Each structure stands twice: as C-alpha cells, then as structure tokens.
Amino acid sequence: MDVIADMLSVVNDNDEAKKTKIMYQANMSWNLLNRYLNDLLETGLVRSRNSNSYVLTVKGKLFLEKYREYHKRHKKVEEQSRIIESEKVILENMAFNSSEVDK
C-alpha cells in the first residue's frame, strides 16, 4: 500500500504525471513502475491522459485520502505500542531482577 500511495501522491501533487516523474519521485525501478501502474489502471485509481501521462481518478483521490488517514492512525498506534513495550520491560525488570534496589 505504501508504494501505491507514493505513486498516487506523485500524480496528485502534479495534477498529472509522466512515467519518469512517478518512477523517480516514488523511487522505483522502471519494471516495478510498469507493473504497479498497470494495476492502478486496472483498478481505476489512475487513468491515462495520453500514452505517457497519468491523472488520479475520483477513486484514486479517495484511496489517497483514506490511506493518509490510516497512515496517521497507524503511526500513533505504533508509538503507543512502543511506549507500552518499554513499560512492560521496566515492570519485568522490577519483578524479576534481584539486583534492583527498593527505592
């Protein structure tokens, strides 16, 4: 999903994008670009304006909006998970580390 979102962001940020712009800005190989671009065309997330230029469809814009919301929530959950894990380690050390001195 990250690769798809990167590609759609390039197209969205430029209102229209050629293959080479998508490839470089999404940091992809030519073969990978063509494989994903075919998938995006088939699923209706982008459409071809001409043989080498692409624009987002309404579905593509909706996907990108939903992906950005998901990505923000996912980052928050990951951060909370890291905090919980560090708290768990502290508790385990307190419970099982005999060298720990009462404070």
PDB file of N, CA and C in Angstrom:
ATOM      1  N   MET A   1       0.818  -1.201   0.000  1.00  0.00           N
ATOM      2  CA  MET A   1       0.000   0.000   0.000  1.00  0.00           C
ATOM      3  C   MET A   1       0.855   1.255   0.000  1.00  0.00           C
ATOM      4  N   ASP A   2       2.020   1.181   0.655  1.00  0.00           N
ATOM      5  CA  ASP A   2       2.893   2.355   0.687  1.00  0.00           C
ATOM      6  C   ASP A   2       3.357   2.749  -0.714  1.00  0.00           C
ATOM      7  N   VAL A   3       3.699   1.757  -1.513  1.00  0.00           N
ATOM      8  CA  VAL A   3       4.154   2.027  -2.881  1.00  0.00           C
ATOM      9  C   VAL A   3       3.025   2.654  -3.693  1.00  0.00           C
ATOM     10  N   ILE A   4       1.845   2.106  -3.559  1.00  0.00           N
ATOM     11  CA  ILE A   4       0.690   2.652  -4.278  1.00  0.00           C
ATOM     12  C   ILE A   4       0.431   4.087  -3.839  1.00  0.00           C
ATOM     13  N   ALA A   5       0.459   4.326  -2.539  1.00  0.00           N
ATOM     14  CA  ALA A   5       0.226   5.681  -2.030  1.00  0.00           C
ATOM     15  C   ALA A   5       1.304   6.643  -2.519  1.00  0.00           C
ATOM     16  N   ASP A   6       2.557   6.195  -2.558  1.00  0.00           N
ATOM     17  CA  ASP A   6       3.634   7.048  -3.073  1.00  0.00           C
ATOM     18  C   ASP A   6       3.377   7.425  -4.529  1.00  0.00           C
ATOM     19  N   MET A   7       2.995   6.439  -5.318  1.00  0.00           N
ATOM     20  CA  MET A   7       2.733   6.707  -6.736  1.00  0.00           C
ATOM     21  C   MET A   7       1.558   7.674  -6.903  1.00  0.00           C
ATOM     22  N   LEU A   8       0.491   7.416  -6.173  1.00  0.00           N
ATOM     23  CA  LEU A   8      -0.683   8.291  -6.273  1.00  0.00           C
ATOM     24  C   LEU A   8      -0.374   9.696  -5.786  1.00  0.00           C
ATOM     25  N   SER A   9       0.473   9.817  -4.777  1.00  0.00           N
ATOM     26  CA  SER A   9       0.854  11.141  -4.276  1.00  0.00           C
ATOM     27  C   SER A   9       1.607  11.929  -5.335  1.00  0.00           C
ATOM     28  N   VAL A  10       2.479  11.269  -6.059  1.00  0.00           N
ATOM     29  CA  VAL A  10       3.229  11.942  -7.132  1.00  0.00           C
ATOM     30  C   VAL A  10       2.258  12.470  -8.184  1.00  0.00           C
ATOM     31  N   VAL A  11       1.330  11.632  -8.582  1.00  0.00           N
ATOM     32  CA  VAL A  11       0.350  12.053  -9.596  1.00  0.00           C
ATOM     33  C   VAL A  11      -0.511  13.178  -9.056  1.00  0.00           C
ATOM     34  N   ASN A  12      -0.961  13.051  -7.815  1.00  0.00           N
ATOM     35  CA  ASN A  12      -1.821  14.058  -7.200  1.00  0.00           C
ATOM     36  C   ASN A  12      -1.105  15.395  -7.036  1.00  0.00           C
ATOM     37  N   ASP A  13       0.128  15.365  -6.579  1.00  0.00           N
ATOM     38  CA  ASP A  13       0.881  16.599  -6.333  1.00  0.00           C
ATOM     39  C   ASP A  13       1.176  17.368  -7.613  1.00  0.00           C
ATOM     40  N   ASN A  14       1.154  16.680  -8.722  1.00  0.00           N
ATOM     41  CA  ASN A  14       1.464  17.313 -10.000  1.00  0.00           C
ATOM     42  C   ASN A  14       0.249  17.465 -10.900  1.00  0.00           C
ATOM     43  N   ASP A  15      -0.929  17.099 -10.432  1.00  0.00           N
ATOM     44  CA  ASP A  15      -2.176  17.099 -11.209  1.00  0.00           C
ATOM     45  C   ASP A  15      -2.122  16.138 -12.396  1.00  0.00           C
ATOM     46  N   GLU A  16      -0.951  15.845 -12.855  1.00  0.00           N
ATOM     47  CA  GLU A  16      -0.727  14.936 -13.978  1.00  0.00           C
ATOM     48  C   GLU A  16       0.752  14.570 -13.907  1.00  0.00           C
ATOM     49  N   ALA A  17       1.076  13.330 -14.188  1.00  0.00           N
ATOM     50  CA  ALA A  17       2.482  12.942 -14.106  1.00  0.00           C
ATOM     51  C   ALA A  17       2.837  11.947 -15.198  1.00  0.00           C
ATOM     52  N   LYS A  18       4.023  12.126 -15.711  1.00  0.00           N
ATOM     53  CA  LYS A  18       4.550  11.186 -16.688  1.00  0.00           C
ATOM     54  C   LYS A  18       5.216  10.036 -15.942  1.00  0.00           C
ATOM     55  N   LYS A  19       5.424   8.942 -16.661  1.00  0.00           N
ATOM     56  CA  LYS A  19       6.004   7.749 -16.045  1.00  0.00           C
ATOM     57  C   LYS A  19       7.341   8.041 -15.366  1.00  0.00           C
ATOM     58  N   THR A  20       8.195   8.804 -16.037  1.00  0.00           N
ATOM     59  CA  THR A  20       9.529   9.045 -15.456  1.00  0.00           C
ATOM     60  C   THR A  20       9.433   9.834 -14.158  1.00  0.00           C
ATOM     61  N   LYS A  21       8.524  10.782 -14.081  1.00  0.00           N
ATOM     62  CA  LYS A  21       8.351  11.562 -12.843  1.00  0.00           C
ATOM     63  C   LYS A  21       7.883  10.650 -11.716  1.00  0.00           C
ATOM     64  N   ILE A  22       6.914   9.795 -12.008  1.00  0.00           N
ATOM     65  CA  ILE A  22       6.425   8.852 -10.996  1.00  0.00           C
ATOM     66  C   ILE A  22       7.560   7.941 -10.545  1.00  0.00           C
ATOM     67  N   MET A  23       8.315   7.412 -11.511  1.00  0.00           N
ATOM     68  CA  MET A  23       9.401   6.490 -11.211  1.00  0.00           C
ATOM     69  C   MET A  23      10.430   7.129 -10.279  1.00  0.00           C
ATOM     70  N   TYR A  24      10.878   8.337 -10.609  1.00  0.00           N
ATOM     71  CA  TYR A  24      11.915   8.980  -9.800  1.00  0.00           C
ATOM     72  C   TYR A  24      11.394   9.453  -8.451  1.00  0.00           C
ATOM     73  N   GLN A  25      10.231  10.072  -8.434  1.00  0.00           N
ATOM     74  CA  GLN A  25       9.727  10.612  -7.171  1.00  0.00           C
ATOM     75  C   GLN A  25       9.226   9.525  -6.219  1.00  0.00           C
ATOM     76  N   ALA A  26       8.793   8.387  -6.773  1.00  0.00           N
ATOM     77  CA  ALA A  26       8.359   7.273  -5.922  1.00  0.00           C
ATOM     78  C   ALA A  26       9.505   6.287  -5.687  1.00  0.00           C
ATOM     79  N   ASN A  27      10.675   6.607  -6.234  1.00  0.00           N
ATOM     80  CA  ASN A  27      11.885   5.806  -6.025  1.00  0.00           C
ATOM     81  C   ASN A  27      11.683   4.346  -6.436  1.00  0.00           C
ATOM     82  N   MET A  28      11.346   4.153  -7.709  1.00  0.00           N
ATOM     83  CA  MET A  28      11.033   2.821  -8.222  1.00  0.00           C
ATOM     84  C   MET A  28      11.892   2.502  -9.437  1.00  0.00           C
ATOM     85  N   SER A  29      12.017   1.222  -9.712  1.00  0.00           N
ATOM     86  CA  SER A  29      12.645   0.803 -10.968  1.00  0.00           C
ATOM     87  C   SER A  29      11.601   0.914 -12.083  1.00  0.00           C
ATOM     88  N   TRP A  30      12.066   0.922 -13.314  1.00  0.00           N
ATOM     89  CA  TRP A  30      11.167   1.029 -14.472  1.00  0.00           C
ATOM     90  C   TRP A  30      10.216  -0.170 -14.519  1.00  0.00           C
ATOM     91  N   ASN A  31      10.745  -1.369 -14.281  1.00  0.00           N
ATOM     92  CA  ASN A  31       9.911  -2.576 -14.329  1.00  0.00           C
ATOM     93  C   ASN A  31       8.847  -2.562 -13.238  1.00  0.00           C
ATOM     94  N   LEU A  32       9.246  -2.178 -12.035  1.00  0.00           N
ATOM     95  CA  LEU A  32       8.291  -2.111 -10.932  1.00  0.00           C
ATOM     96  C   LEU A  32       7.225  -1.056 -11.202  1.00  0.00           C
ATOM     97  N   LEU A  33       7.644   0.074 -11.736  1.00  0.00           N
ATOM     98  CA  LEU A  33       6.695   1.139 -12.081  1.00  0.00           C
ATOM     99  C   LEU A  33       5.638   0.618 -13.039  1.00  0.00           C
ATOM    100  N   ASN A  34       6.063  -0.043 -14.092  1.00  0.00           N
ATOM    101  CA  ASN A  34       5.114  -0.526 -15.096  1.00  0.00           C
ATOM    102  C   ASN A  34       4.165  -1.569 -14.522  1.00  0.00           C
ATOM    103  N   ARG A  35       4.679  -2.428 -13.658  1.00  0.00           N
ATOM    104  CA  ARG A  35       3.827  -3.451 -13.048  1.00  0.00           C
ATOM    105  C   ARG A  35       2.753  -2.798 -12.171  1.00  0.00           C
ATOM    106  N   TYR A  36       3.185  -1.873 -11.306  1.00  0.00           N
ATOM    107  CA  TYR A  36       2.219  -1.209 -10.427  1.00  0.00           C
ATOM    108  C   TYR A  36       1.279  -0.294 -11.209  1.00  0.00           C
ATOM    109  N   LEU A  37       1.793   0.385 -12.194  1.00  0.00           N
ATOM    110  CA  LEU A  37       0.961   1.293 -12.978  1.00  0.00           C
ATOM    111  C   LEU A  37      -0.145   0.535 -13.691  1.00  0.00           C
ATOM    112  N   ASN A  38       0.161  -0.634 -14.208  1.00  0.00           N
ATOM    113  CA  ASN A  38      -0.881  -1.460 -14.824  1.00  0.00           C
ATOM    114  C   ASN A  38      -1.955  -1.828 -13.811  1.00  0.00           C
ATOM    115  N   ASP A  39      -1.531  -2.170 -12.594  1.00  0.00           N
ATOM    116  CA  ASP A  39      -2.502  -2.482 -11.543  1.00  0.00           C
ATOM    117  C   ASP A  39      -3.374  -1.273 -11.209  1.00  0.00           C
ATOM    118  N   LEU A  40      -2.755  -0.092 -11.125  1.00  0.00           N
ATOM    119  CA  LEU A  40      -3.508   1.126 -10.812  1.00  0.00           C
ATOM    120  C   LEU A  40      -4.513   1.465 -11.904  1.00  0.00           C
ATOM    121  N   LEU A  41      -4.122   1.230 -13.139  1.00  0.00           N
ATOM    122  CA  LEU A  41      -5.040   1.450 -14.262  1.00  0.00           C
ATOM    123  C   LEU A  41      -6.198   0.456 -14.211  1.00  0.00           C
ATOM    124  N   GLU A  42      -5.891  -0.807 -13.955  1.00  0.00           N
ATOM    125  CA  GLU A  42      -6.921  -1.847 -13.917  1.00  0.00           C
ATOM    126  C   GLU A  42      -7.914  -1.637 -12.786  1.00  0.00           C
ATOM    127  N   THR A  43      -7.429  -1.163 -11.646  1.00  0.00           N
ATOM    128  CA  THR A  43      -8.322  -0.945 -10.503  1.00  0.00           C
ATOM    129  C   THR A  43      -9.024   0.409 -10.553  1.00  0.00           C
ATOM    130  N   GLY A  44      -8.660   1.227 -11.512  1.00  0.00           N
ATOM    131  CA  GLY A  44      -9.332   2.513 -11.678  1.00  0.00           C
ATOM    132  C   GLY A  44      -8.867   3.600 -10.734  1.00  0.00           C
ATOM    133  N   LEU A  45      -7.657   3.474 -10.192  1.00  0.00           N
ATOM    134  CA  LEU A  45      -7.134   4.518  -9.309  1.00  0.00           C
ATOM    135  C   LEU A  45      -6.495   5.657 -10.095  1.00  0.00           C
ATOM    136  N   VAL A  46      -5.994   5.353 -11.280  1.00  0.00           N
ATOM    137  CA  VAL A  46      -5.476   6.373 -12.193  1.00  0.00           C
ATOM    138  C   VAL A  46      -6.031   6.094 -13.583  1.00  0.00           C
ATOM    139  N   ARG A  47      -5.951   7.114 -14.406  1.00  0.00           N
ATOM    140  CA  ARG A  47      -6.290   6.921 -15.815  1.00  0.00           C
ATOM    141  C   ARG A  47      -5.228   7.596 -16.658  1.00  0.00           C
ATOM    142  N   SER A  48      -5.090   7.122 -17.849  1.00  0.00           N
ATOM    143  CA  SER A  48      -4.095   7.656 -18.756  1.00  0.00           C
ATOM    144  C   SER A  48      -4.667   8.862 -19.482  1.00  0.00           C
ATOM    145  N   ARG A  49      -3.944   9.960 -19.424  1.00  0.00           N
ATOM    146  CA  ARG A  49      -4.383  11.153 -20.147  1.00  0.00           C
ATOM    147  C   ARG A  49      -3.926  11.051 -21.600  1.00  0.00           C
ATOM    148  N   ASN A  50      -2.723  10.538 -21.783  1.00  0.00           N
ATOM    149  CA  ASN A  50      -2.220  10.167 -23.099  1.00  0.00           C
ATOM    150  C   ASN A  50      -1.328   8.959 -22.879  1.00  0.00           C
ATOM    151  N   SER A  51      -0.542   8.585 -23.814  1.00  0.00           N
ATOM    152  CA  SER A  51       0.207   7.334 -23.689  1.00  0.00           C
ATOM    153  C   SER A  51       1.244   7.345 -22.572  1.00  0.00           C
ATOM    154  N   ASN A  52       1.624   8.516 -22.078  1.00  0.00           N
ATOM    155  CA  ASN A  52       2.691   8.560 -21.089  1.00  0.00           C
ATOM    156  C   ASN A  52       2.393   9.475 -19.906  1.00  0.00           C
ATOM    157  N   SER A  53       1.148   9.924 -19.782  1.00  0.00           N
ATOM    158  CA  SER A  53       0.784  10.852 -18.718  1.00  0.00           C
ATOM    159  C   SER A  53      -0.438  10.312 -17.973  1.00  0.00           C
ATOM    160  N   TYR A  54      -0.434  10.467 -16.637  1.00  0.00           N
ATOM    161  CA  TYR A  54      -1.472   9.864 -15.818  1.00  0.00           C
ATOM    162  C   TYR A  54      -2.065  10.872 -14.849  1.00  0.00           C
ATOM    163  N   VAL A  55      -3.351  10.701 -14.562  1.00  0.00           N
ATOM    164  CA  VAL A  55      -4.067  11.542 -13.605  1.00  0.00           C
ATOM    165  C   VAL A  55      -4.833  10.638 -12.642  1.00  0.00           C
ATOM    166  N   LEU A  56      -5.105  11.175 -11.455  1.00  0.00           N
ATOM    167  CA  LEU A  56      -5.896  10.423 -10.481  1.00  0.00           C
ATOM    168  C   LEU A  56      -7.363  10.438 -10.873  1.00  0.00           C
ATOM    169  N   THR A  57      -8.022   9.344 -10.602  1.00  0.00           N
ATOM    170  CA  THR A  57      -9.471   9.285 -10.740  1.00  0.00           C
ATOM    171  C   THR A  57     -10.076   9.694  -9.398  1.00  0.00           C
ATOM    172  N   VAL A  58     -11.383   9.800  -9.363  1.00  0.00           N
ATOM    173  CA  VAL A  58     -12.068  10.080  -8.097  1.00  0.00           C
ATOM    174  C   VAL A  58     -11.753   8.972  -7.105  1.00  0.00           C
ATOM    175  N   LYS A  59     -11.766   7.729  -7.573  1.00  0.00           N
ATOM    176  CA  LYS A  59     -11.444   6.588  -6.717  1.00  0.00           C
ATOM    177  C   LYS A  59     -10.005   6.692  -6.204  1.00  0.00           C
ATOM    178  N   GLY A  60      -9.078   7.142  -7.048  1.00  0.00           N
ATOM    179  CA  GLY A  60      -7.684   7.315  -6.637  1.00  0.00           C
ATOM    180  C   GLY A  60      -7.532   8.377  -5.574  1.00  0.00           C
ATOM    181  N   LYS A  61      -8.258   9.476  -5.729  1.00  0.00           N
ATOM    182  CA  LYS A  61      -8.212  10.543  -4.725  1.00  0.00           C
ATOM    183  C   LYS A  61      -8.792  10.065  -3.395  1.00  0.00           C
ATOM    184  N   LEU A  62      -9.868   9.301  -3.461  1.00  0.00           N
ATOM    185  CA  LEU A  62     -10.475   8.760  -2.249  1.00  0.00           C
ATOM    186  C   LEU A  62      -9.520   7.778  -1.567  1.00  0.00           C
ATOM    187  N   PHE A  63      -8.881   6.910  -2.364  1.00  0.00           N
ATOM    188  CA  PHE A  63      -7.908   5.970  -1.799  1.00  0.00           C
ATOM    189  C   PHE A  63      -6.801   6.729  -1.081  1.00  0.00           C
ATOM    190  N   LEU A  64      -6.254   7.746  -1.729  1.00  0.00           N
ATOM    191  CA  LEU A  64      -5.152   8.504  -1.151  1.00  0.00           C
ATOM    192  C   LEU A  64      -5.568   9.192   0.139  1.00  0.00           C
ATOM    193  N   GLU A  65      -6.756   9.750   0.170  1.00  0.00           N
ATOM    194  CA  GLU A  65      -7.273  10.388   1.385  1.00  0.00           C
ATOM    195  C   GLU A  65      -7.422   9.361   2.506  1.00  0.00           C
ATOM    196  N   LYS A  66      -8.026   8.228   2.209  1.00  0.00           N
ATOM    197  CA  LYS A  66      -8.224   7.171   3.209  1.00  0.00           C
ATOM    198  C   LYS A  66      -6.884   6.599   3.670  1.00  0.00           C
ATOM    199  N   TYR A  67      -5.940   6.446   2.746  1.00  0.00           N
ATOM    200  CA  TYR A  67      -4.624   5.924   3.103  1.00  0.00           C
ATOM    201  C   TYR A  67      -3.918   6.880   4.063  1.00  0.00           C
ATOM    202  N   ARG A  68      -3.986   8.163   3.805  1.00  0.00           N
ATOM    203  CA  ARG A  68      -3.327   9.145   4.673  1.00  0.00           C
ATOM    204  C   ARG A  68      -3.917   9.120   6.076  1.00  0.00           C
ATOM    205  N   GLU A  69      -5.236   8.975   6.179  1.00  0.00           N
ATOM    206  CA  GLU A  69      -5.878   8.855   7.492  1.00  0.00           C
ATOM    207  C   GLU A  69      -5.406   7.586   8.198  1.00  0.00           C
ATOM    208  N   TYR A  70      -5.401   6.485   7.465  1.00  0.00           N
ATOM    209  CA  TYR A  70      -4.935   5.210   8.012  1.00  0.00           C
ATOM    210  C   TYR A  70      -3.489   5.328   8.491  1.00  0.00           C
ATOM    211  N   HIS A  71      -2.643   5.932   7.680  1.00  0.00           N
ATOM    212  CA  HIS A  71      -1.217   6.035   7.986  1.00  0.00           C
ATOM    213  C   HIS A  71      -0.987   6.841   9.273  1.00  0.00           C
ATOM    214  N   LYS A  72      -1.725   7.924   9.442  1.00  0.00           N
ATOM    215  CA  LYS A  72      -1.611   8.725  10.670  1.00  0.00           C
ATOM    216  C   LYS A  72      -2.008   7.898  11.894  1.00  0.00           C
ATOM    217  N   ARG A  73      -3.136   7.196  11.790  1.00  0.00           N
ATOM    218  CA  ARG A  73      -3.586   6.374  12.920  1.00  0.00           C
ATOM    219  C   ARG A  73      -2.605   5.245  13.197  1.00  0.00           C
ATOM    220  N   HIS A  74      -2.081   4.652  12.151  1.00  0.00           N
ATOM    221  CA  HIS A  74      -1.133   3.551  12.310  1.00  0.00           C
ATOM    222  C   HIS A  74       0.133   4.016  13.029  1.00  0.00           C
ATOM    223  N   LYS A  75       0.636   5.188  12.682  1.00  0.00           N
ATOM    224  CA  LYS A  75       1.822   5.718  13.356  1.00  0.00           C
ATOM    225  C   LYS A  75       1.550   5.954  14.842  1.00  0.00           C
ATOM    226  N   LYS A  76       0.365   6.461  15.162  1.00  0.00           N
ATOM    227  CA  LYS A  76       0.010   6.688  16.566  1.00  0.00           C
ATOM    228  C   LYS A  76      -0.045   5.370  17.327  1.00  0.00           C
ATOM    229  N   VAL A  77      -0.631   4.358  16.713  1.00  0.00           N
ATOM    230  CA  VAL A  77      -0.726   3.048  17.354  1.00  0.00           C
ATOM    231  C   VAL A  77       0.663   2.456  17.554  1.00  0.00           C
ATOM    232  N   GLU A  78       1.536   2.574  16.569  1.00  0.00           N
ATOM    233  CA  GLU A  78       2.909   2.067  16.711  1.00  0.00           C
ATOM    234  C   GLU A  78       3.633   2.759  17.857  1.00  0.00           C
ATOM    235  N   GLU A  79       3.469   4.067  17.980  1.00  0.00           N
ATOM    236  CA  GLU A  79       4.109   4.812  19.069  1.00  0.00           C
ATOM    237  C   GLU A  79       3.581   4.342  20.418  1.00  0.00           C
ATOM    238  N   GLN A  80       2.277   4.186  20.525  1.00  0.00           N
ATOM    239  CA  GLN A  80       1.687   3.691  21.771  1.00  0.00           C
ATOM    240  C   GLN A  80       2.195   2.289  22.094  1.00  0.00           C
ATOM    241  N   SER A  81       2.347   1.475  21.075  1.00  0.00           N
ATOM    242  CA  SER A  81       2.856   0.118  21.263  1.00  0.00           C
ATOM    243  C   SER A  81       4.294   0.132  21.786  1.00  0.00           C
ATOM    244  N   ARG A  82       5.119   1.036  21.262  1.00  0.00           N
ATOM    245  CA  ARG A  82       6.493   1.164  21.757  1.00  0.00           C
ATOM    246  C   ARG A  82       6.514   1.596  23.221  1.00  0.00           C
ATOM    247  N   ILE A  83       5.660   2.536  23.583  1.00  0.00           N
ATOM    248  CA  ILE A  83       5.583   3.006  24.967  1.00  0.00           C
ATOM    249  C   ILE A  83       5.152   1.863  25.884  1.00  0.00           C
ATOM    250  N   ILE A  84       4.136   1.126  25.475  1.00  0.00           N
ATOM    251  CA  ILE A  84       3.651   0.003  26.280  1.00  0.00           C
ATOM    252  C   ILE A  84       4.734  -1.050  26.431  1.00  0.00           C
ATOM    253  N   GLU A  85       5.448  -1.344  25.373  1.00  0.00           N
ATOM    254  CA  GLU A  85       6.515  -2.350  25.440  1.00  0.00           C
ATOM    255  C   GLU A  85       7.629  -1.904  26.390  1.00  0.00           C
ATOM    256  N   SER A  86       7.990  -0.620  26.354  1.00  0.00           N
ATOM    257  CA  SER A  86       9.046  -0.151  27.265  1.00  0.00           C
ATOM    258  C   SER A  86       8.568  -0.199  28.716  1.00  0.00           C
ATOM    259  N   GLU A  87       7.288   0.096  28.941  1.00  0.00           N
ATOM    260  CA  GLU A  87       6.737  -0.016  30.290  1.00  0.00           C
ATOM    261  C   GLU A  87       6.743  -1.469  30.756  1.00  0.00           C
ATOM    262  N   LYS A  88       6.464  -2.381  29.865  1.00  0.00           N
ATOM    263  CA  LYS A  88       6.489  -3.810  30.184  1.00  0.00           C
ATOM    264  C   LYS A  88       7.890  -4.245  30.603  1.00  0.00           C
ATOM    265  N   VAL A  89       8.898  -3.784  29.860  1.00  0.00           N
ATOM    266  CA  VAL A  89      10.288  -4.131  30.185  1.00  0.00           C
ATOM    267  C   VAL A  89      10.647  -3.607  31.569  1.00  0.00           C
ATOM    268  N   ILE A  90      10.246  -2.393  31.879  1.00  0.00           N
ATOM    269  CA  ILE A  90      10.516  -1.810  33.199  1.00  0.00           C
ATOM    270  C   ILE A  90       9.867  -2.666  34.285  1.00  0.00           C
ATOM    271  N   LEU A  91       8.612  -3.041  34.087  1.00  0.00           N
ATOM    272  CA  LEU A  91       7.909  -3.866  35.067  1.00  0.00           C
ATOM    273  C   LEU A  91       8.560  -5.241  35.216  1.00  0.00           C
ATOM    274  N   GLU A  92       8.957  -5.843  34.110  1.00  0.00           N
ATOM    275  CA  GLU A  92       9.631  -7.147  34.169  1.00  0.00           C
ATOM    276  C   GLU A  92      10.940  -7.042  34.934  1.00  0.00           C
ATOM    277  N   ASN A  93      11.691  -5.973  34.673  1.00  0.00           N
ATOM    278  CA  ASN A  93      12.947  -5.770  35.403  1.00  0.00           C
ATOM    279  C   ASN A  93      12.708  -5.578  36.892  1.00  0.00           C
ATOM    280  N   MET A  94      11.661  -4.856  37.221  1.00  0.00           N
ATOM    281  CA  MET A  94      11.336  -4.647  38.630  1.00  0.00           C
ATOM    282  C   MET A  94      10.933  -5.957  39.292  1.00  0.00           C
ATOM    283  N   ALA A  95      10.197  -6.792  38.578  1.00  0.00           N
ATOM    284  CA  ALA A  95       9.668  -8.024  39.152  1.00  0.00           C
ATOM    285  C   ALA A  95      10.695  -9.150  39.200  1.00  0.00           C
ATOM    286  N   PHE A  96      11.587  -9.193  38.228  1.00  0.00           N
ATOM    287  CA  PHE A  96      12.451 -10.371  38.103  1.00  0.00           C
ATOM    288  C   PHE A  96      13.936 -10.095  38.258  1.00  0.00           C
ATOM    289  N   ASN A  97      14.335  -8.852  38.416  1.00  0.00           N
ATOM    290  CA  ASN A  97      15.745  -8.528  38.547  1.00  0.00           C
ATOM    291  C   ASN A  97      16.066  -8.390  40.030  1.00  0.00           C
ATOM    292  N   SER A  98      16.759  -9.372  40.576  1.00  0.00           N
ATOM    293  CA  SER A  98      17.045  -9.369  42.010  1.00  0.00           C
ATOM    294  C   SER A  98      18.042  -8.308  42.429  1.00  0.00           C
ATOM    295  N   SER A  99      18.786  -7.747  41.487  1.00  0.00           N
ATOM    296  CA  SER A  99      19.754  -6.712  41.839  1.00  0.00           C
ATOM    297  C   SER A  99      19.122  -5.344  41.965  1.00  0.00           C
ATOM    298  N   GLU A 100      17.857  -5.253  41.634  1.00  0.00           N
ATOM    299  CA  GLU A 100      17.121  -3.982  41.720  1.00  0.00           C
ATOM    300  C   GLU A 100      16.943  -3.618  43.199  1.00  0.00           C
ATOM    301  N   VAL A 101      17.304  -2.426  43.594  1.00  0.00           N
ATOM    302  CA  VAL A 101      17.197  -1.974  44.970  1.00  0.00           C
ATOM    303  C   VAL A 101      15.899  -1.216  45.150  1.00  0.00           C
ATOM    304  N   ASP A 102      15.204  -1.484  46.267  1.00  0.00           N
ATOM    305  CA  ASP A 102      13.984  -0.751  46.557  1.00  0.00           C
ATOM    306  C   ASP A 102      14.287   0.732  46.680  1.00  0.00           C
ATOM    307  N   LYS A 103      13.394   1.508  46.184  1.00  0.00           N
ATOM    308  CA  LYS A 103      13.589   2.963  46.227  1.00  0.00           C
ATOM    309  C   LYS A 103      12.574   3.594  47.134  1.00  0.00           C
TER     310      LYS A 103
END
